[in-house]
Amino acid sequence: GSLRLSCTASSLSLNKYIVGWFRQAPEKEREGVLCTTAGGGIIFYG
């Protein structure tokens, strides 16, 4: 299946920040999924 997750910022503009997505499975370390530069121009995939 597919799923869309959202990350919403409450105050400051999220577009001015690098944003990374991570995940942590039970009993495992947190690992990176992907990140995107401020403005979204560059994406790096784990």
PDB file of all heavy atoms in Angstrom:
ATOM      1  N   GLY A   1       0.803  -1.211   0.000  1.00  0.00           N
ATOM      2  CA  GLY A   1       0.000   0.000   0.000  1.00  0.00           C
ATOM      3  C   GLY A   1       0.841   1.267   0.000  1.00  0.00           C
ATOM      4  O   GLY A   1       2.074   1.227   0.037  1.00  0.00           O
ATOM      5  N   SER A   2       0.141   2.379  -0.059  1.00  0.00           N
ATOM      6  CA  SER A   2       0.773   3.704  -0.085  1.00  0.00           C
ATOM      7  C   SER A   2       0.232   4.562   1.039  1.00  0.00           C
ATOM      8  O   SER A   2      -0.872   4.314   1.555  1.00  0.00           O
ATOM      9  CB  SER A   2       0.497   4.388  -1.432  1.00  0.00           C
ATOM     10  OG  SER A   2       0.999   3.638  -2.505  1.00  0.00           O
ATOM     11  N   LEU A   3       0.996   5.584   1.360  1.00  0.00           N
ATOM     12  CA  LEU A   3       0.610   6.459   2.458  1.00  0.00           C
ATOM     13  C   LEU A   3       1.267   7.813   2.255  1.00  0.00           C
ATOM     14  O   LEU A   3       2.393   7.891   1.750  1.00  0.00           O
ATOM     15  CB  LEU A   3       1.066   5.847   3.791  1.00  0.00           C
ATOM     16  CG  LEU A   3       0.343   6.209   5.077  1.00  0.00           C
ATOM     17  CD1 LEU A   3      -1.137   5.874   4.978  1.00  0.00           C
ATOM     18  CD2 LEU A   3       0.971   5.460   6.254  1.00  0.00           C
ATOM     19  N   ARG A   4       0.580   8.866   2.656  1.00  0.00           N
ATOM     20  CA  ARG A   4       1.171  10.207   2.645  1.00  0.00           C
ATOM     21  C   ARG A   4       1.255  10.719   4.076  1.00  0.00           C
ATOM     22  O   ARG A   4       0.233  10.812   4.768  1.00  0.00           O
ATOM     23  CB  ARG A   4       0.356  11.164   1.783  1.00  0.00           C
ATOM     24  CG  ARG A   4       0.709  12.641   2.014  1.00  0.00           C
ATOM     25  CD  ARG A   4       0.113  13.567   0.989  1.00  0.00           C
ATOM     26  NE  ARG A   4       0.937  13.622  -0.212  1.00  0.00           N
ATOM     27  CZ  ARG A   4       0.827  14.550  -1.157  1.00  0.00           C
ATOM     28  NH1 ARG A   4      -0.101  15.490  -1.062  1.00  0.00           N
ATOM     29  NH2 ARG A   4       1.606  14.535  -2.214  1.00  0.00           N
ATOM     30  N   LEU A   5       2.437  11.063   4.478  1.00  0.00           N
ATOM     31  CA  LEU A   5       2.655  11.658   5.794  1.00  0.00           C
ATOM     32  C   LEU A   5       2.866  13.160   5.625  1.00  0.00           C
ATOM     33  O   LEU A   5       3.407  13.615   4.616  1.00  0.00           O
ATOM     34  CB  LEU A   5       3.876  11.039   6.471  1.00  0.00           C
ATOM     35  CG  LEU A   5       3.886   9.514   6.605  1.00  0.00           C
ATOM     36  CD1 LEU A   5       5.144   9.056   7.347  1.00  0.00           C
ATOM     37  CD2 LEU A   5       2.634   9.012   7.295  1.00  0.00           C
ATOM     38  N   SER A   6       2.460  13.908   6.641  1.00  0.00           N
ATOM     39  CA  SER A   6       2.603  15.359   6.615  1.00  0.00           C
ATOM     40  C   SER A   6       3.473  15.826   7.766  1.00  0.00           C
ATOM     41  O   SER A   6       3.433  15.252   8.855  1.00  0.00           O
ATOM     42  CB  SER A   6       1.231  16.033   6.731  1.00  0.00           C
ATOM     43  OG  SER A   6       0.378  15.646   5.682  1.00  0.00           O
ATOM     44  N   CYS A   7       4.228  16.866   7.516  1.00  0.00           N
ATOM     45  CA  CYS A   7       5.022  17.532   8.546  1.00  0.00           C
ATOM     46  C   CYS A   7       4.661  19.006   8.459  1.00  0.00           C
ATOM     47  O   CYS A   7       4.991  19.669   7.464  1.00  0.00           O
ATOM     48  CB  CYS A   7       6.497  17.318   8.297  1.00  0.00           C
ATOM     49  SG  CYS A   7       7.581  18.274   9.376  1.00  0.00           S
ATOM     50  N   THR A   8       3.989  19.510   9.476  1.00  0.00           N
ATOM     51  CA  THR A   8       3.512  20.887   9.460  1.00  0.00           C
ATOM     52  C   THR A   8       4.202  21.699  10.546  1.00  0.00           C
ATOM     53  O   THR A   8       4.341  21.248  11.679  1.00  0.00           O
ATOM     54  CB  THR A   8       1.986  20.930   9.678  1.00  0.00           C
ATOM     55  OG1 THR A   8       1.352  20.170   8.635  1.00  0.00           O
ATOM     56  CG2 THR A   8       1.470  22.356   9.630  1.00  0.00           C
ATOM     57  N   ALA A   9       4.632  22.889  10.167  1.00  0.00           N
ATOM     58  CA  ALA A   9       5.253  23.808  11.115  1.00  0.00           C
ATOM     59  C   ALA A   9       4.208  24.801  11.612  1.00  0.00           C
ATOM     60  O   ALA A   9       3.383  25.282  10.834  1.00  0.00           O
ATOM     61  CB  ALA A   9       6.411  24.544  10.454  1.00  0.00           C
ATOM     62  N   SER A  10       4.275  25.109  12.890  1.00  0.00           N
ATOM     63  CA  SER A  10       3.219  25.925  13.489  1.00  0.00           C
ATOM     64  C   SER A  10       3.466  27.409  13.366  1.00  0.00           C
ATOM     65  O   SER A  10       2.529  28.202  13.418  1.00  0.00           O
ATOM     66  CB  SER A  10       3.069  25.568  14.969  1.00  0.00           C
ATOM     67  OG  SER A  10       4.285  25.819  15.650  1.00  0.00           O
ATOM     68  N   SER A  11       4.729  27.822  13.224  1.00  0.00           N
ATOM     69  CA  SER A  11       4.967  29.259  13.254  1.00  0.00           C
ATOM     70  C   SER A  11       5.871  29.691  12.107  1.00  0.00           C
ATOM     71  O   SER A  11       5.412  30.188  11.099  1.00  0.00           O
ATOM     72  CB  SER A  11       5.558  29.648  14.606  1.00  0.00           C
ATOM     73  OG  SER A  11       6.701  28.862  14.881  1.00  0.00           O
ATOM     74  N   LEU A  12       7.151  29.452  12.193  1.00  0.00           N
ATOM     75  CA  LEU A  12       8.104  29.931  11.202  1.00  0.00           C
ATOM     76  C   LEU A  12       7.907  29.191   9.881  1.00  0.00           C
ATOM     77  O   LEU A  12       7.357  28.096   9.838  1.00  0.00           O
ATOM     78  CB  LEU A  12       9.527  29.731  11.721  1.00  0.00           C
ATOM     79  CG  LEU A  12       9.835  30.404  13.064  1.00  0.00           C
ATOM     80  CD1 LEU A  12      11.244  30.046  13.509  1.00  0.00           C
ATOM     81  CD2 LEU A  12       9.659  31.902  12.970  1.00  0.00           C
ATOM     82  N   SER A  13       8.387  29.815   8.800  1.00  0.00           N
ATOM     83  CA  SER A  13       8.218  29.235   7.475  1.00  0.00           C
ATOM     84  C   SER A  13       9.114  28.017   7.291  1.00  0.00           C
ATOM     85  O   SER A  13      10.340  28.113   7.306  1.00  0.00           O
ATOM     86  CB  SER A  13       8.555  30.275   6.413  1.00  0.00           C
ATOM     87  OG  SER A  13       8.553  29.681   5.134  1.00  0.00           O
ATOM     88  N   LEU A  14       8.489  26.858   7.091  1.00  0.00           N
ATOM     89  CA  LEU A  14       9.248  25.624   6.917  1.00  0.00           C
ATOM     90  C   LEU A  14      10.045  25.631   5.620  1.00  0.00           C
ATOM     91  O   LEU A  14      11.027  24.908   5.493  1.00  0.00           O
ATOM     92  CB  LEU A  14       8.285  24.437   6.948  1.00  0.00           C
ATOM     93  CG  LEU A  14       8.859  23.051   7.128  1.00  0.00           C
ATOM     94  CD1 LEU A  14       9.763  22.968   8.344  1.00  0.00           C
ATOM     95  CD2 LEU A  14       7.732  22.026   7.199  1.00  0.00           C
ATOM     96  N   ASN A  15       9.653  26.442   4.680  1.00  0.00           N
ATOM     97  CA  ASN A  15      10.345  26.504   3.401  1.00  0.00           C
ATOM     98  C   ASN A  15      11.761  27.059   3.535  1.00  0.00           C
ATOM     99  O   ASN A  15      12.584  26.871   2.634  1.00  0.00           O
ATOM    100  CB  ASN A  15       9.552  27.367   2.422  1.00  0.00           C
ATOM    101  CG  ASN A  15       9.981  27.161   0.986  1.00  0.00           C
ATOM    102  OD1 ASN A  15      10.155  26.037   0.542  1.00  0.00           O
ATOM    103  ND2 ASN A  15      10.179  28.246   0.271  1.00  0.00           N
ATOM    104  N   LYS A  16      12.074  27.690   4.645  1.00  0.00           N
ATOM    105  CA  LYS A  16      13.407  28.257   4.855  1.00  0.00           C
ATOM    106  C   LYS A  16      14.359  27.266   5.523  1.00  0.00           C
ATOM    107  O   LYS A  16      15.507  27.621   5.799  1.00  0.00           O
ATOM    108  CB  LYS A  16      13.300  29.522   5.710  1.00  0.00           C
ATOM    109  CG  LYS A  16      12.516  30.634   5.038  1.00  0.00           C
ATOM    110  CD  LYS A  16      12.469  31.882   5.916  1.00  0.00           C
ATOM    111  CE  LYS A  16      11.707  33.003   5.228  1.00  0.00           C
ATOM    112  NZ  LYS A  16      11.641  34.230   6.068  1.00  0.00           N
ATOM    113  N   TYR A  17      13.883  26.061   5.765  1.00  0.00           N
ATOM    114  CA  TYR A  17      14.676  25.069   6.481  1.00  0.00           C
ATOM    115  C   TYR A  17      14.931  23.823   5.633  1.00  0.00           C
ATOM    116  O   TYR A  17      14.108  23.458   4.780  1.00  0.00           O
ATOM    117  CB  TYR A  17      13.960  24.636   7.762  1.00  0.00           C
ATOM    118  CG  TYR A  17      13.879  25.715   8.812  1.00  0.00           C
ATOM    119  CD1 TYR A  17      12.880  26.678   8.770  1.00  0.00           C
ATOM    120  CD2 TYR A  17      14.802  25.767   9.854  1.00  0.00           C
ATOM    121  CE1 TYR A  17      12.804  27.667   9.724  1.00  0.00           C
ATOM    122  CE2 TYR A  17      14.731  26.750  10.828  1.00  0.00           C
ATOM    123  CZ  TYR A  17      13.725  27.705  10.754  1.00  0.00           C
ATOM    124  OH  TYR A  17      13.648  28.683  11.714  1.00  0.00           O
ATOM    125  N   ILE A  18      16.055  23.193   5.890  1.00  0.00           N
ATOM    126  CA  ILE A  18      16.272  21.828   5.423  1.00  0.00           C
ATOM    127  C   ILE A  18      15.314  20.932   6.215  1.00  0.00           C
ATOM    128  O   ILE A  18      15.181  21.084   7.430  1.00  0.00           O
ATOM    129  CB  ILE A  18      17.722  21.383   5.679  1.00  0.00           C
ATOM    130  CG1 ILE A  18      18.693  22.208   4.831  1.00  0.00           C
ATOM    131  CG2 ILE A  18      17.888  19.894   5.424  1.00  0.00           C
ATOM    132  CD1 ILE A  18      20.142  22.013   5.208  1.00  0.00           C
ATOM    133  N   VAL A  19      14.654  20.019   5.536  1.00  0.00           N
ATOM    134  CA  VAL A  19      13.750  19.085   6.208  1.00  0.00           C
ATOM    135  C   VAL A  19      14.195  17.657   5.920  1.00  0.00           C
ATOM    136  O   VAL A  19      14.451  17.290   4.778  1.00  0.00           O
ATOM    137  CB  VAL A  19      12.294  19.292   5.743  1.00  0.00           C
ATOM    138  CG1 VAL A  19      11.388  18.206   6.331  1.00  0.00           C
ATOM    139  CG2 VAL A  19      11.793  20.669   6.169  1.00  0.00           C
ATOM    140  N   GLY A  20      14.293  16.888   6.977  1.00  0.00           N
ATOM    141  CA  GLY A  20      14.623  15.475   6.839  1.00  0.00           C
ATOM    142  C   GLY A  20      13.512  14.612   7.397  1.00  0.00           C
ATOM    143  O   GLY A  20      12.807  15.009   8.334  1.00  0.00           O
ATOM    144  N   TRP A  21      13.343  13.456   6.792  1.00  0.00           N
ATOM    145  CA  TRP A  21      12.418  12.448   7.303  1.00  0.00           C
ATOM    146  C   TRP A  21      13.234  11.256   7.784  1.00  0.00           C
ATOM    147  O   TRP A  21      14.118  10.770   7.067  1.00  0.00           O
ATOM    148  CB  TRP A  21      11.427  12.003   6.238  1.00  0.00           C
ATOM    149  CG  TRP A  21      10.288  12.945   6.016  1.00  0.00           C
ATOM    150  CD1 TRP A  21      10.196  13.923   5.060  1.00  0.00           C
ATOM    151  CD2 TRP A  21       9.052  12.987   6.738  1.00  0.00           C
ATOM    152  NE1 TRP A  21       8.987  14.572   5.158  1.00  0.00           N
ATOM    153  CE2 TRP A  21       8.265  14.007   6.179  1.00  0.00           C
ATOM    154  CE3 TRP A  21       8.534  12.249   7.799  1.00  0.00           C
ATOM    155  CZ2 TRP A  21       6.988  14.327   6.650  1.00  0.00           C
ATOM    156  CZ3 TRP A  21       7.268  12.556   8.269  1.00  0.00           C
ATOM    157  CH2 TRP A  21       6.504  13.596   7.692  1.00  0.00           C
ATOM    158  N   PHE A  22      12.898  10.782   8.965  1.00  0.00           N
ATOM    159  CA  PHE A  22      13.569   9.646   9.576  1.00  0.00           C
ATOM    160  C   PHE A  22      12.515   8.645  10.044  1.00  0.00           C
ATOM    161  O   PHE A  22      11.339   8.981  10.169  1.00  0.00           O
ATOM    162  CB  PHE A  22      14.397  10.102  10.786  1.00  0.00           C
ATOM    163  CG  PHE A  22      15.525  11.032  10.432  1.00  0.00           C
ATOM    164  CD1 PHE A  22      15.295  12.379  10.199  1.00  0.00           C
ATOM    165  CD2 PHE A  22      16.829  10.556  10.348  1.00  0.00           C
ATOM    166  CE1 PHE A  22      16.331  13.236   9.864  1.00  0.00           C
ATOM    167  CE2 PHE A  22      17.871  11.408  10.025  1.00  0.00           C
ATOM    168  CZ  PHE A  22      17.624  12.750   9.777  1.00  0.00           C
ATOM    169  N   ARG A  23      12.956   7.445  10.320  1.00  0.00           N
ATOM    170  CA  ARG A  23      12.040   6.470  10.896  1.00  0.00           C
ATOM    171  C   ARG A  23      12.779   5.619  11.913  1.00  0.00           C
ATOM    172  O   ARG A  23      14.000   5.430  11.821  1.00  0.00           O
ATOM    173  CB  ARG A  23      11.427   5.585   9.806  1.00  0.00           C
ATOM    174  CG  ARG A  23      12.404   4.644   9.125  1.00  0.00           C
ATOM    175  CD  ARG A  23      11.705   3.804   8.067  1.00  0.00           C
ATOM    176  NE  ARG A  23      12.606   2.806   7.497  1.00  0.00           N
ATOM    177  CZ  ARG A  23      12.240   1.930   6.579  1.00  0.00           C
ATOM    178  NH1 ARG A  23      10.992   1.915   6.111  1.00  0.00           N
ATOM    179  NH2 ARG A  23      13.109   1.060   6.103  1.00  0.00           N
ATOM    180  N   GLN A  24      12.029   5.107  12.872  1.00  0.00           N
ATOM    181  CA  GLN A  24      12.615   4.261  13.895  1.00  0.00           C
ATOM    182  C   GLN A  24      11.689   3.086  14.153  1.00  0.00           C
ATOM    183  O   GLN A  24      10.573   3.255  14.653  1.00  0.00           O
ATOM    184  CB  GLN A  24      12.862   5.039  15.192  1.00  0.00           C
ATOM    185  CG  GLN A  24      13.635   4.247  16.228  1.00  0.00           C
ATOM    186  CD  GLN A  24      14.183   5.116  17.329  1.00  0.00           C
ATOM    187  OE1 GLN A  24      13.779   6.265  17.515  1.00  0.00           O
ATOM    188  NE2 GLN A  24      15.144   4.591  18.067  1.00  0.00           N
ATOM    189  N   ALA A  25      12.160   1.914  13.794  1.00  0.00           N
ATOM    190  CA  ALA A  25      11.422   0.677  14.035  1.00  0.00           C
ATOM    191  C   ALA A  25      11.699   0.190  15.451  1.00  0.00           C
ATOM    192  O   ALA A  25      12.700   0.584  16.065  1.00  0.00           O
ATOM    193  CB  ALA A  25      11.841  -0.381  13.017  1.00  0.00           C
ATOM    194  N   PRO A  26      10.830  -0.654  15.990  1.00  0.00           N
ATOM    195  CA  PRO A  26      11.040  -1.163  17.347  1.00  0.00           C
ATOM    196  C   PRO A  26      12.417  -1.794  17.508  1.00  0.00           C
ATOM    197  O   PRO A  26      12.847  -2.596  16.665  1.00  0.00           O
ATOM    198  CB  PRO A  26       9.929  -2.201  17.510  1.00  0.00           C
ATOM    199  CG  PRO A  26       8.866  -1.743  16.576  1.00  0.00           C
ATOM    200  CD  PRO A  26       9.581  -1.151  15.398  1.00  0.00           C
ATOM    201  N   GLU A  27      13.116  -1.386  18.530  1.00  0.00           N
ATOM    202  CA  GLU A  27      14.418  -1.934  18.904  1.00  0.00           C
ATOM    203  C   GLU A  27      15.494  -1.687  17.849  1.00  0.00           C
ATOM    204  O   GLU A  27      16.505  -2.384  17.839  1.00  0.00           O
ATOM    205  CB  GLU A  27      14.307  -3.433  19.202  1.00  0.00           C
ATOM    206  CG  GLU A  27      13.333  -3.741  20.345  1.00  0.00           C
ATOM    207  CD  GLU A  27      13.256  -5.224  20.668  1.00  0.00           C
ATOM    208  OE1 GLU A  27      13.959  -6.008  20.008  1.00  0.00           O
ATOM    209  OE2 GLU A  27      12.485  -5.580  21.572  1.00  0.00           O
ATOM    210  N   LYS A  28      15.292  -0.694  17.011  1.00  0.00           N
ATOM    211  CA  LYS A  28      16.296  -0.340  16.016  1.00  0.00           C
ATOM    212  C   LYS A  28      16.643   1.135  16.139  1.00  0.00           C
ATOM    213  O   LYS A  28      15.880   1.925  16.712  1.00  0.00           O
ATOM    214  CB  LYS A  28      15.807  -0.658  14.604  1.00  0.00           C
ATOM    215  CG  LYS A  28      15.663  -2.145  14.336  1.00  0.00           C
ATOM    216  CD  LYS A  28      15.436  -2.422  12.870  1.00  0.00           C
ATOM    217  CE  LYS A  28      15.391  -3.913  12.596  1.00  0.00           C
ATOM    218  NZ  LYS A  28      15.202  -4.205  11.144  1.00  0.00           N
ATOM    219  N   GLU A  29      17.777   1.495  15.557  1.00  0.00           N
ATOM    220  CA  GLU A  29      18.171   2.897  15.596  1.00  0.00           C
ATOM    221  C   GLU A  29      17.365   3.708  14.578  1.00  0.00           C
ATOM    222  O   GLU A  29      16.868   3.180  13.581  1.00  0.00           O
ATOM    223  CB  GLU A  29      19.667   3.020  15.294  1.00  0.00           C
ATOM    224  CG  GLU A  29      20.544   2.496  16.403  1.00  0.00           C
ATOM    225  CD  GLU A  29      21.982   2.989  16.291  1.00  0.00           C
ATOM    226  OE1 GLU A  29      22.276   3.754  15.364  1.00  0.00           O
ATOM    227  OE2 GLU A  29      22.795   2.588  17.128  1.00  0.00           O
ATOM    228  N   ARG A  30      17.267   4.978  14.860  1.00  0.00           N
ATOM    229  CA  ARG A  30      16.585   5.882  13.934  1.00  0.00           C
ATOM    230  C   ARG A  30      17.426   5.996  12.652  1.00  0.00           C
ATOM    231  O   ARG A  30      18.623   6.231  12.708  1.00  0.00           O
ATOM    232  CB  ARG A  30      16.383   7.240  14.586  1.00  0.00           C
ATOM    233  CG  ARG A  30      15.419   8.148  13.876  1.00  0.00           C
ATOM    234  CD  ARG A  30      15.080   9.362  14.717  1.00  0.00           C
ATOM    235  NE  ARG A  30      14.449   8.980  15.973  1.00  0.00           N
ATOM    236  CZ  ARG A  30      13.924   9.847  16.848  1.00  0.00           C
ATOM    237  NH1 ARG A  30      13.945  11.147  16.562  1.00  0.00           N
ATOM    238  NH2 ARG A  30      13.400   9.433  17.966  1.00  0.00           N
ATOM    239  N   GLU A  31      16.769   5.857  11.503  1.00  0.00           N
ATOM    240  CA  GLU A  31      17.481   5.927  10.237  1.00  0.00           C
ATOM    241  C   GLU A  31      16.841   6.962   9.318  1.00  0.00           C
ATOM    242  O   GLU A  31      15.645   7.236   9.401  1.00  0.00           O
ATOM    243  CB  GLU A  31      17.516   4.560   9.547  1.00  0.00           C
ATOM    244  CG  GLU A  31      16.146   4.032   9.154  1.00  0.00           C
ATOM    245  CD  GLU A  31      16.232   2.717   8.388  1.00  0.00           C
ATOM    246  OE1 GLU A  31      17.337   2.196   8.173  1.00  0.00           O
ATOM    247  OE2 GLU A  31      15.152   2.217   7.991  1.00  0.00           O
ATOM    248  N   GLY A  32      17.668   7.513   8.429  1.00  0.00           N
ATOM    249  CA  GLY A  32      17.171   8.538   7.531  1.00  0.00           C
ATOM    250  C   GLY A  32      16.445   7.968   6.336  1.00  0.00           C
ATOM    251  O   GLY A  32      16.878   6.973   5.766  1.00  0.00           O
ATOM    252  N   VAL A  33      15.362   8.601   5.947  1.00  0.00           N
ATOM    253  CA  VAL A  33      14.590   8.211   4.762  1.00  0.00           C
ATOM    254  C   VAL A  33      14.963   9.126   3.596  1.00  0.00           C
ATOM    255  O   VAL A  33      15.342   8.646   2.519  1.00  0.00           O
ATOM    256  CB  VAL A  33      13.081   8.294   5.048  1.00  0.00           C
ATOM    257  CG1 VAL A  33      12.284   7.985   3.786  1.00  0.00           C
ATOM    258  CG2 VAL A  33      12.696   7.340   6.187  1.00  0.00           C
ATOM    259  N   LEU A  34      14.870  10.409   3.791  1.00  0.00           N
ATOM    260  CA  LEU A  34      15.314  11.378   2.794  1.00  0.00           C
ATOM    261  C   LEU A  34      15.402  12.748   3.425  1.00  0.00           C
ATOM    262  O   LEU A  34      14.920  12.973   4.526  1.00  0.00           O
ATOM    263  CB  LEU A  34      14.378  11.407   1.576  1.00  0.00           C
ATOM    264  CG  LEU A  34      12.914  11.764   1.741  1.00  0.00           C
ATOM    265  CD1 LEU A  34      12.640  13.240   2.018  1.00  0.00           C
ATOM    266  CD2 LEU A  34      12.120  11.359   0.500  1.00  0.00           C
ATOM    267  N   CYS A  35      16.048  13.666   2.717  1.00  0.00           N
ATOM    268  CA  CYS A  35      16.059  15.067   3.149  1.00  0.00           C
ATOM    269  C   CYS A  35      15.953  15.958   1.925  1.00  0.00           C
ATOM    270  O   CYS A  35      16.252  15.539   0.804  1.00  0.00           O
ATOM    271  CB  CYS A  35      17.294  15.392   3.975  1.00  0.00           C
ATOM    272  SG  CYS A  35      18.864  15.207   3.114  1.00  0.00           S
ATOM    273  N   THR A  36      15.526  17.186   2.151  1.00  0.00           N
ATOM    274  CA  THR A  36      15.374  18.144   1.070  1.00  0.00           C
ATOM    275  C   THR A  36      15.882  19.494   1.538  1.00  0.00           C
ATOM    276  O   THR A  36      15.664  19.897   2.687  1.00  0.00           O
ATOM    277  CB  THR A  36      13.902  18.227   0.616  1.00  0.00           C
ATOM    278  OG1 THR A  36      13.757  19.253  -0.372  1.00  0.00           O
ATOM    279  CG2 THR A  36      12.966  18.538   1.779  1.00  0.00           C
ATOM    280  N   THR A  37      16.596  20.186   0.654  1.00  0.00           N
ATOM    281  CA  THR A  37      17.143  21.486   1.015  1.00  0.00           C
ATOM    282  C   THR A  37      16.030  22.520   1.178  1.00  0.00           C
ATOM    283  O   THR A  37      14.896  22.310   0.744  1.00  0.00           O
ATOM    284  CB  THR A  37      18.122  21.963  -0.055  1.00  0.00           C
ATOM    285  OG1 THR A  37      17.495  21.892  -1.352  1.00  0.00           O
ATOM    286  CG2 THR A  37      19.385  21.112  -0.069  1.00  0.00           C
ATOM    287  N   ALA A  38      16.342  23.626   1.803  1.00  0.00           N
ATOM    288  CA  ALA A  38      15.391  24.727   1.936  1.00  0.00           C
ATOM    289  C   ALA A  38      14.904  25.126   0.553  1.00  0.00           C
ATOM    290  O   ALA A  38      15.701  25.280  -0.374  1.00  0.00           O
ATOM    291  CB  ALA A  38      16.050  25.908   2.635  1.00  0.00           C
ATOM    292  N   GLY A  39      13.603  25.252   0.395  1.00  0.00           N
ATOM    293  CA  GLY A  39      13.041  25.523  -0.922  1.00  0.00           C
ATOM    294  C   GLY A  39      12.784  24.280  -1.745  1.00  0.00           C
ATOM    295  O   GLY A  39      12.095  24.320  -2.758  1.00  0.00           O
ATOM    296  N   GLY A  40      13.351  23.158  -1.349  1.00  0.00           N
ATOM    297  CA  GLY A  40      13.074  21.890  -2.008  1.00  0.00           C
ATOM    298  C   GLY A  40      13.837  21.606  -3.277  1.00  0.00           C
ATOM    299  O   GLY A  40      13.506  20.692  -4.027  1.00  0.00           O
ATOM    300  N   GLY A  41      14.902  22.361  -3.560  1.00  0.00           N
ATOM    301  CA  GLY A  41      15.593  22.190  -4.822  1.00  0.00           C
ATOM    302  C   GLY A  41      16.388  20.911  -4.948  1.00  0.00           C
ATOM    303  O   GLY A  41      16.590  20.390  -6.049  1.00  0.00           O
ATOM    304  N   ILE A  42      16.878  20.391  -3.850  1.00  0.00           N
ATOM    305  CA  ILE A  42      17.723  19.198  -3.865  1.00  0.00           C
ATOM    306  C   ILE A  42      17.137  18.185  -2.889  1.00  0.00           C
ATOM    307  O   ILE A  42      16.732  18.536  -1.784  1.00  0.00           O
ATOM    308  CB  ILE A  42      19.172  19.543  -3.492  1.00  0.00           C
ATOM    309  CG1 ILE A  42      19.778  20.470  -4.545  1.00  0.00           C
ATOM    310  CG2 ILE A  42      20.012  18.276  -3.339  1.00  0.00           C
ATOM    311  CD1 ILE A  42      21.148  21.008  -4.179  1.00  0.00           C
ATOM    312  N   ILE A  43      17.102  16.938  -3.297  1.00  0.00           N
ATOM    313  CA  ILE A  43      16.620  15.853  -2.456  1.00  0.00           C
ATOM    314  C   ILE A  43      17.710  14.789  -2.382  1.00  0.00           C
ATOM    315  O   ILE A  43      18.297  14.425  -3.406  1.00  0.00           O
ATOM    316  CB  ILE A  43      15.334  15.227  -3.017  1.00  0.00           C
ATOM    317  CG1 ILE A  43      14.238  16.292  -3.148  1.00  0.00           C
ATOM    318  CG2 ILE A  43      14.850  14.085  -2.120  1.00  0.00           C
ATOM    319  CD1 ILE A  43      13.027  15.825  -3.924  1.00  0.00           C
ATOM    320  N   PHE A  44      17.943  14.310  -1.184  1.00  0.00           N
ATOM    321  CA  PHE A  44      18.900  13.220  -0.975  1.00  0.00           C
ATOM    322  C   PHE A  44      18.147  12.058  -0.350  1.00  0.00           C
ATOM    323  O   PHE A  44      17.445  12.226   0.649  1.00  0.00           O
ATOM    324  CB  PHE A  44      20.041  13.686  -0.068  1.00  0.00           C
ATOM    325  CG  PHE A  44      21.017  12.604   0.274  1.00  0.00           C
ATOM    326  CD1 PHE A  44      21.949  12.181  -0.656  1.00  0.00           C
ATOM    327  CD2 PHE A  44      20.998  11.993   1.519  1.00  0.00           C
ATOM    328  CE1 PHE A  44      22.844  11.169  -0.363  1.00  0.00           C
ATOM    329  CE2 PHE A  44      21.885  10.987   1.832  1.00  0.00           C
ATOM    330  CZ  PHE A  44      22.816  10.573   0.884  1.00  0.00           C
ATOM    331  N   TYR A  45      18.309  10.868  -0.957  1.00  0.00           N
ATOM    332  CA  TYR A  45      17.575   9.697  -0.501  1.00  0.00           C
ATOM    333  C   TYR A  45      18.469   8.767   0.292  1.00  0.00           C
ATOM    334  O   TYR A  45      19.593   8.463  -0.124  1.00  0.00           O
ATOM    335  CB  TYR A  45      17.004   8.924  -1.694  1.00  0.00           C
ATOM    336  CG  TYR A  45      15.991   9.709  -2.493  1.00  0.00           C
ATOM    337  CD1 TYR A  45      16.384  10.494  -3.569  1.00  0.00           C
ATOM    338  CD2 TYR A  45      14.634   9.664  -2.171  1.00  0.00           C
ATOM    339  CE1 TYR A  45      15.460  11.225  -4.303  1.00  0.00           C
ATOM    340  CE2 TYR A  45      13.702  10.390  -2.912  1.00  0.00           C
ATOM    341  CZ  TYR A  45      14.122  11.170  -3.955  1.00  0.00           C
ATOM    342  OH  TYR A  45      13.203  11.884  -4.679  1.00  0.00           O
ATOM    343  N   GLY A  46      17.940   8.286   1.407  1.00  0.00           N
ATOM    344  CA  GLY A  46      18.612   7.235   2.132  1.00  0.00           C
ATOM    345  C   GLY A  46      18.395   5.899   1.442  1.00  0.00           C
ATOM    346  O   GLY A  46      17.567   5.765   0.543  1.00  0.00           O
TER     347      GLY A  46
END
